[in-house]
Amino acid sequence: MIARVLEGHRGQGFGEELYARGLGRARELGAEVIETVVLSSNEDGLRFALKHGFVETERYLLPGDSIPWIDLRLARS
């Protein structure tokens, strides 16, 4: 699942609710590993992921890109 809260609606708990629902559903379906990908220039998204226990596992550039993508894995449940 990928969810993005538009800038004008951030800080109102929508991201928290979407994250909790998505994580709960993933767990119901038996997910044992939860990962996400964030564009390194997305400071809000990266901050959100780190705040929720994700840790960086890889940083890379796609062909033709100049801004790295960051793979993150949930380190705690």
Protein backbone atom coordinates (compact mmCIF):
# COMPACT_ATOMS: atom_id res chain seq x y z
CA MET A 1 0.00 0.00 0.00
CA ILE A 2 1.19 3.47 -0.79
CA ALA A 3 -0.63 6.44 0.71
CA ARG A 4 0.08 10.11 0.40
CA VAL A 5 -1.60 12.86 2.36
CA LEU A 6 -1.76 16.11 0.44
CA GLU A 7 0.18 18.98 1.97
CA GLY A 8 -2.89 20.97 3.00
CA HIS A 9 -4.22 18.01 4.99
CA ARG A 10 -1.05 16.95 6.79
CA GLY A 11 -0.78 17.15 10.56
CA GLN A 12 -4.43 16.21 11.07
CA GLY A 13 -3.98 12.50 11.75
CA PHE A 14 -4.95 11.22 8.30
CA GLY A 15 -1.53 9.65 7.72
CA GLU A 16 -1.62 7.97 11.12
CA GLU A 17 -5.04 6.51 10.36
CA LEU A 18 -4.07 5.29 6.89
CA TYR A 19 -0.86 3.78 8.24
CA ALA A 20 -2.62 1.99 11.11
CA ARG A 21 -5.28 0.57 8.80
CA GLY A 22 -2.74 -0.57 6.20
CA LEU A 23 -0.43 -2.12 8.77
CA GLY A 24 -3.33 -3.87 10.48
CA ARG A 25 -4.57 -5.30 7.20
CA ALA A 26 -1.08 -6.46 6.22
CA ARG A 27 -0.77 -8.25 9.56
CA GLU A 28 -4.21 -9.87 9.09
CA LEU A 29 -3.01 -11.20 5.74
CA GLY A 30 0.08 -12.69 7.38
CA ALA A 31 2.76 -10.17 6.43
CA GLU A 32 5.93 -10.78 8.38
CA VAL A 33 8.01 -8.05 6.72
CA ILE A 34 6.78 -4.53 6.06
CA GLU A 35 8.76 -2.31 3.69
CA THR A 36 8.33 1.05 2.03
CA VAL A 37 10.12 3.23 -0.49
CA VAL A 38 10.54 6.99 -0.11
CA LEU A 39 12.11 9.51 -2.47
CA SER A 40 14.94 11.10 -0.48
CA SER A 41 13.65 14.60 -1.22
CA ASN A 42 10.35 13.73 0.49
CA GLU A 43 11.42 14.90 3.93
CA ASP A 44 7.93 14.57 5.44
CA GLY A 45 7.54 11.00 4.17
CA LEU A 46 10.97 10.00 5.37
CA ARG A 47 10.39 11.57 8.79
CA PHE A 48 7.04 9.74 9.05
CA ALA A 49 8.63 6.38 8.18
CA LEU A 50 11.51 6.82 10.63
CA LYS A 51 9.11 7.95 13.39
CA HIS A 52 7.12 4.73 12.89
CA GLY A 53 10.10 2.41 13.26
CA PHE A 54 11.33 1.96 9.70
CA VAL A 55 15.06 1.75 9.10
CA GLU A 56 16.94 2.35 5.87
CA THR A 57 18.04 -0.79 4.06
CA GLU A 58 19.18 0.62 0.71
CA ARG A 59 19.63 3.93 -1.12
CA TYR A 60 19.89 3.99 -4.91
CA LEU A 61 19.41 6.01 -8.09
CA LEU A 62 17.23 4.79 -10.93
CA PRO A 63 18.63 5.30 -14.43
CA GLY A 64 18.36 8.95 -15.38
CA ASP A 65 17.38 10.09 -11.87
CA SER A 66 19.40 12.49 -9.75
CA ILE A 67 17.46 12.09 -6.49
CA PRO A 68 17.97 8.81 -4.61
CA TRP A 69 15.19 6.46 -3.55
CA ILE A 70 15.38 4.98 -0.05
CA ASP A 71 14.16 1.46 0.79
CA LEU A 72 13.10 1.09 4.41
CA ARG A 73 12.00 -1.90 6.49
CA LEU A 74 9.88 -1.88 9.63
CA ALA A 75 12.21 -2.83 12.47
CA ARG A 76 9.55 -3.26 15.13
CA SER A 77 5.90 -4.26 15.10
